[in-house]
C-alpha cells in the first residue's frame, strides 16, 4: 500500500502522474504552508510500517511531512520515500 503527498505547485508534474499510475495510490496535494504536516498526521490509521509514503517536493515538504508523522503513534508511521523535486533539495 502507498500514499502520496505532493507539494501543490507540483500537482501536474509528469513524475507525479507516473507514480499514481504505477502505485494507484491516493494523492494528497498541499494547499498552504504546513499542510504537509496535516496531511501526514491525518493519514488513515491503516498506514503503518507496511505502507510507503511517497513525498513529492523538496526540503520544506519533507520537513512538514516528518513533523506530521511524529504526531502519530510510532506503529502508525509509514516508510518515507522522497521524490526530490524542490528547488534546493539539500536533504
N, C-alpha and C. Protein backbone atom coordinates (compact mmCIF):
# COMPACT_ATOMS: atom_id res chain seq x y z
N UNK A 1 0.84 -1.17 0.00
CA UNK A 1 0.00 0.00 0.00
C UNK A 1 0.89 1.24 0.00
N UNK A 2 0.44 2.26 -0.70
CA UNK A 2 1.20 3.51 -0.76
C UNK A 2 0.23 4.69 -0.71
N UNK A 3 0.75 5.81 -0.27
CA UNK A 3 0.06 7.09 -0.30
C UNK A 3 1.07 8.12 -0.79
N UNK A 4 0.56 9.19 -1.40
CA UNK A 4 1.43 10.22 -1.94
C UNK A 4 1.02 11.57 -1.38
N UNK A 5 2.00 12.32 -0.88
CA UNK A 5 1.79 13.72 -0.50
C UNK A 5 2.66 14.54 -1.43
N UNK A 6 2.05 15.50 -2.12
CA UNK A 6 2.76 16.28 -3.13
C UNK A 6 2.60 17.78 -2.86
N UNK A 7 3.68 18.51 -3.04
CA UNK A 7 3.64 19.97 -2.92
C UNK A 7 2.69 20.49 -3.99
N UNK A 8 1.86 21.45 -3.63
CA UNK A 8 0.83 21.96 -4.52
C UNK A 8 1.30 22.41 -5.88
N UNK A 9 2.47 23.02 -5.97
CA UNK A 9 2.93 23.51 -7.26
C UNK A 9 3.37 22.38 -8.19
N UNK A 10 3.46 21.16 -7.66
CA UNK A 10 3.88 20.01 -8.47
C UNK A 10 2.71 19.11 -8.84
N UNK A 11 1.50 19.57 -8.61
CA UNK A 11 0.31 18.72 -8.84
C UNK A 11 0.18 18.23 -10.27
N UNK A 12 0.77 18.92 -11.23
CA UNK A 12 0.68 18.49 -12.63
C UNK A 12 2.00 17.97 -13.19
N UNK A 13 2.95 17.69 -12.32
CA UNK A 13 4.26 17.22 -12.76
C UNK A 13 4.14 15.82 -13.37
N UNK A 14 4.81 15.57 -14.49
CA UNK A 14 4.72 14.26 -15.15
C UNK A 14 5.13 13.09 -14.24
N UNK A 15 6.12 13.30 -13.37
CA UNK A 15 6.54 12.22 -12.48
C UNK A 15 5.44 11.84 -11.51
N UNK A 16 4.64 12.81 -11.09
CA UNK A 16 3.53 12.50 -10.19
C UNK A 16 2.53 11.61 -10.89
N UNK A 17 2.20 11.93 -12.12
CA UNK A 17 1.24 11.12 -12.87
C UNK A 17 1.78 9.70 -13.07
N UNK A 18 3.07 9.58 -13.27
CA UNK A 18 3.71 8.28 -13.42
C UNK A 18 3.61 7.47 -12.11
N UNK A 19 3.86 8.12 -10.97
CA UNK A 19 3.76 7.45 -9.67
C UNK A 19 2.33 6.98 -9.39
N UNK A 20 1.37 7.83 -9.70
CA UNK A 20 -0.03 7.46 -9.47
C UNK A 20 -0.40 6.26 -10.33
N UNK A 21 0.04 6.26 -11.58
CA UNK A 21 -0.25 5.15 -12.47
C UNK A 21 0.41 3.86 -11.97
N UNK A 22 1.63 3.99 -11.48
CA UNK A 22 2.38 2.81 -11.04
C UNK A 22 1.84 2.23 -9.73
N UNK A 23 1.53 3.10 -8.77
CA UNK A 23 1.12 2.63 -7.45
C UNK A 23 -0.39 2.66 -7.23
N UNK A 24 -1.11 3.40 -8.04
CA UNK A 24 -2.55 3.54 -7.83
C UNK A 24 -2.86 4.09 -6.44
N UNK A 25 -2.00 4.96 -5.98
CA UNK A 25 -2.07 5.46 -4.61
C UNK A 25 -2.91 6.72 -4.52
N UNK A 26 -3.58 6.91 -3.38
CA UNK A 26 -4.27 8.18 -3.18
C UNK A 26 -3.26 9.32 -3.05
N UNK A 27 -3.63 10.48 -3.57
CA UNK A 27 -2.75 11.64 -3.58
C UNK A 27 -3.34 12.74 -2.71
N UNK A 28 -2.49 13.30 -1.85
CA UNK A 28 -2.86 14.45 -1.02
C UNK A 28 -2.00 15.61 -1.50
N UNK A 29 -2.63 16.68 -1.97
CA UNK A 29 -1.93 17.84 -2.50
C UNK A 29 -1.93 18.93 -1.44
N UNK A 30 -0.74 19.45 -1.12
CA UNK A 30 -0.67 20.53 -0.13
C UNK A 30 -1.20 21.81 -0.74
N UNK A 31 -1.90 22.58 0.10
CA UNK A 31 -2.54 23.80 -0.39
C UNK A 31 -2.05 25.06 0.32
N UNK A 32 -1.28 24.90 1.38
CA UNK A 32 -0.77 26.05 2.11
C UNK A 32 0.43 25.60 2.94
N UNK A 33 1.28 26.54 3.39
CA UNK A 33 2.44 26.16 4.20
C UNK A 33 2.00 25.40 5.46
N UNK A 34 2.64 24.29 5.72
CA UNK A 34 2.31 23.46 6.88
C UNK A 34 1.24 22.41 6.59
N UNK A 35 0.66 22.42 5.41
CA UNK A 35 -0.40 21.47 5.09
C UNK A 35 0.14 20.04 4.98
N UNK A 36 1.41 19.90 4.61
CA UNK A 36 2.01 18.57 4.55
C UNK A 36 1.99 17.89 5.92
N UNK A 37 2.17 18.68 6.98
CA UNK A 37 2.10 18.15 8.35
C UNK A 37 0.70 17.62 8.63
N UNK A 38 -0.30 18.38 8.26
CA UNK A 38 -1.69 17.98 8.48
C UNK A 38 -2.01 16.72 7.68
N UNK A 39 -1.59 16.68 6.42
CA UNK A 39 -1.86 15.51 5.58
C UNK A 39 -1.22 14.25 6.16
N UNK A 40 0.02 14.36 6.61
CA UNK A 40 0.72 13.20 7.17
C UNK A 40 0.10 12.77 8.49
N UNK A 41 -0.23 13.72 9.33
CA UNK A 41 -0.84 13.41 10.63
C UNK A 41 -2.17 12.71 10.45
N UNK A 42 -2.93 13.12 9.44
CA UNK A 42 -4.29 12.61 9.26
C UNK A 42 -4.40 11.46 8.27
N UNK A 43 -3.28 10.82 7.94
CA UNK A 43 -3.35 9.63 7.09
C UNK A 43 -4.24 8.59 7.76
N UNK A 44 -4.86 7.70 6.98
CA UNK A 44 -5.70 6.66 7.58
C UNK A 44 -4.93 5.82 8.60
N UNK A 45 -5.64 5.30 9.59
CA UNK A 45 -5.00 4.52 10.65
C UNK A 45 -4.27 3.30 10.13
N UNK A 46 -4.72 2.74 9.01
CA UNK A 46 -4.08 1.53 8.48
C UNK A 46 -2.72 1.82 7.85
N UNK A 47 -2.31 3.07 7.80
CA UNK A 47 -0.97 3.42 7.32
C UNK A 47 0.03 3.11 8.42
N UNK A 48 0.76 2.04 8.24
CA UNK A 48 1.72 1.57 9.24
C UNK A 48 3.08 1.38 8.58
N UNK A 49 3.92 0.60 9.23
CA UNK A 49 5.26 0.31 8.69
C UNK A 49 5.19 -0.44 7.36
N UNK A 50 4.05 -1.02 7.04
CA UNK A 50 3.88 -1.74 5.77
C UNK A 50 3.48 -0.81 4.63
N UNK A 51 3.30 0.46 4.93
CA UNK A 51 2.88 1.45 3.94
C UNK A 51 4.06 2.30 3.52
N UNK A 52 4.09 2.67 2.25
CA UNK A 52 5.10 3.59 1.75
C UNK A 52 4.41 4.94 1.56
N UNK A 53 4.99 5.98 2.14
CA UNK A 53 4.51 7.32 1.94
C UNK A 53 5.48 8.02 1.00
N UNK A 54 5.01 8.33 -0.20
CA UNK A 54 5.85 8.98 -1.20
C UNK A 54 5.65 10.49 -1.07
N UNK A 55 6.73 11.19 -0.80
CA UNK A 55 6.69 12.64 -0.65
C UNK A 55 7.29 13.25 -1.90
N UNK A 56 6.48 14.02 -2.62
CA UNK A 56 6.92 14.66 -3.86
C UNK A 56 7.07 16.16 -3.58
N UNK A 57 8.30 16.62 -3.54
CA UNK A 57 8.55 18.02 -3.22
C UNK A 57 10.00 18.21 -2.83
N UNK A 58 10.22 19.18 -1.98
CA UNK A 58 11.58 19.47 -1.54
C UNK A 58 11.72 19.38 -0.04
N UNK A 59 12.72 20.09 0.46
CA UNK A 59 13.05 20.03 1.88
C UNK A 59 11.88 20.47 2.76
N UNK A 60 11.20 21.53 2.37
CA UNK A 60 10.10 22.04 3.19
C UNK A 60 8.94 21.06 3.27
N UNK A 61 8.61 20.46 2.16
CA UNK A 61 7.53 19.47 2.15
C UNK A 61 7.91 18.27 3.01
N UNK A 62 9.14 17.79 2.85
CA UNK A 62 9.60 16.66 3.65
C UNK A 62 9.57 17.01 5.13
N UNK A 63 10.03 18.20 5.47
CA UNK A 63 10.05 18.66 6.87
C UNK A 63 8.63 18.64 7.45
N UNK A 64 7.68 19.18 6.71
CA UNK A 64 6.29 19.20 7.18
C UNK A 64 5.76 17.78 7.39
N UNK A 65 6.02 16.90 6.42
CA UNK A 65 5.51 15.54 6.49
C UNK A 65 6.11 14.80 7.69
N UNK A 66 7.40 14.92 7.89
CA UNK A 66 8.03 14.24 9.03
C UNK A 66 7.44 14.74 10.35
N UNK A 67 7.23 16.05 10.46
CA UNK A 67 6.63 16.58 11.68
C UNK A 67 5.22 16.03 11.88
N UNK A 68 4.46 15.89 10.81
CA UNK A 68 3.12 15.32 10.92
C UNK A 68 3.16 13.86 11.34
N UNK A 69 4.12 13.11 10.81
CA UNK A 69 4.23 11.69 11.19
C UNK A 69 4.62 11.54 12.65
N UNK A 70 5.40 12.48 13.18
CA UNK A 70 5.80 12.40 14.58
C UNK A 70 4.62 12.62 15.53
N UNK A 71 3.52 13.15 15.00
CA UNK A 71 2.31 13.32 15.81
C UNK A 71 1.47 12.05 15.84
N UNK A 72 1.86 11.06 15.07
CA UNK A 72 1.15 9.78 15.04
C UNK A 72 1.83 8.80 16.00
N UNK A 73 1.11 7.78 16.37
CA UNK A 73 1.70 6.72 17.20
C UNK A 73 2.83 6.06 16.41
N UNK A 74 3.90 5.62 17.08
CA UNK A 74 5.03 5.03 16.37
C UNK A 74 4.65 3.90 15.42
N UNK A 75 3.68 3.08 15.79
CA UNK A 75 3.28 1.96 14.93
C UNK A 75 2.46 2.43 13.72
N UNK A 76 2.10 3.70 13.69
CA UNK A 76 1.33 4.25 12.57
C UNK A 76 2.17 5.21 11.72
N UNK A 77 3.46 4.99 11.72
CA UNK A 77 4.36 5.83 10.91
C UNK A 77 4.86 5.02 9.71
N UNK A 78 4.41 5.38 8.52
CA UNK A 78 4.84 4.64 7.33
C UNK A 78 6.28 4.95 6.94
N UNK A 79 6.80 4.12 6.06
CA UNK A 79 8.12 4.36 5.49
C UNK A 79 8.02 5.54 4.53
N UNK A 80 9.07 6.33 4.43
CA UNK A 80 9.05 7.52 3.57
C UNK A 80 9.98 7.31 2.37
N UNK A 81 9.48 7.71 1.23
CA UNK A 81 10.29 7.76 0.01
C UNK A 81 10.18 9.17 -0.52
N UNK A 82 11.29 9.86 -0.73
CA UNK A 82 11.28 11.23 -1.22
C UNK A 82 11.56 11.26 -2.72
N UNK A 83 10.70 11.94 -3.46
CA UNK A 83 10.96 12.26 -4.86
C UNK A 83 11.38 13.73 -4.86
N UNK A 84 12.68 14.01 -4.96
CA UNK A 84 13.20 15.37 -4.74
C UNK A 84 12.96 16.29 -5.94
N UNK A 85 11.85 17.01 -5.91
CA UNK A 85 11.53 17.94 -6.98
C UNK A 85 11.44 19.38 -6.49
N UNK A 86 12.11 19.66 -5.37
CA UNK A 86 12.12 21.02 -4.82
C UNK A 86 13.18 21.87 -5.50
N UNK A 87 13.36 23.07 -5.00
CA UNK A 87 14.34 23.96 -5.60
C UNK A 87 15.75 23.72 -5.08
N UNK A 88 15.89 23.44 -3.79
CA UNK A 88 17.22 23.25 -3.22
C UNK A 88 17.60 21.79 -3.08
N UNK A 89 16.69 21.00 -2.55
CA UNK A 89 16.93 19.58 -2.31
C UNK A 89 18.22 19.34 -1.52
N UNK A 90 18.35 20.05 -0.42
CA UNK A 90 19.53 19.90 0.43
C UNK A 90 19.53 18.62 1.25
N UNK A 91 18.37 18.03 1.43
CA UNK A 91 18.28 16.78 2.19
C UNK A 91 19.00 15.74 1.39
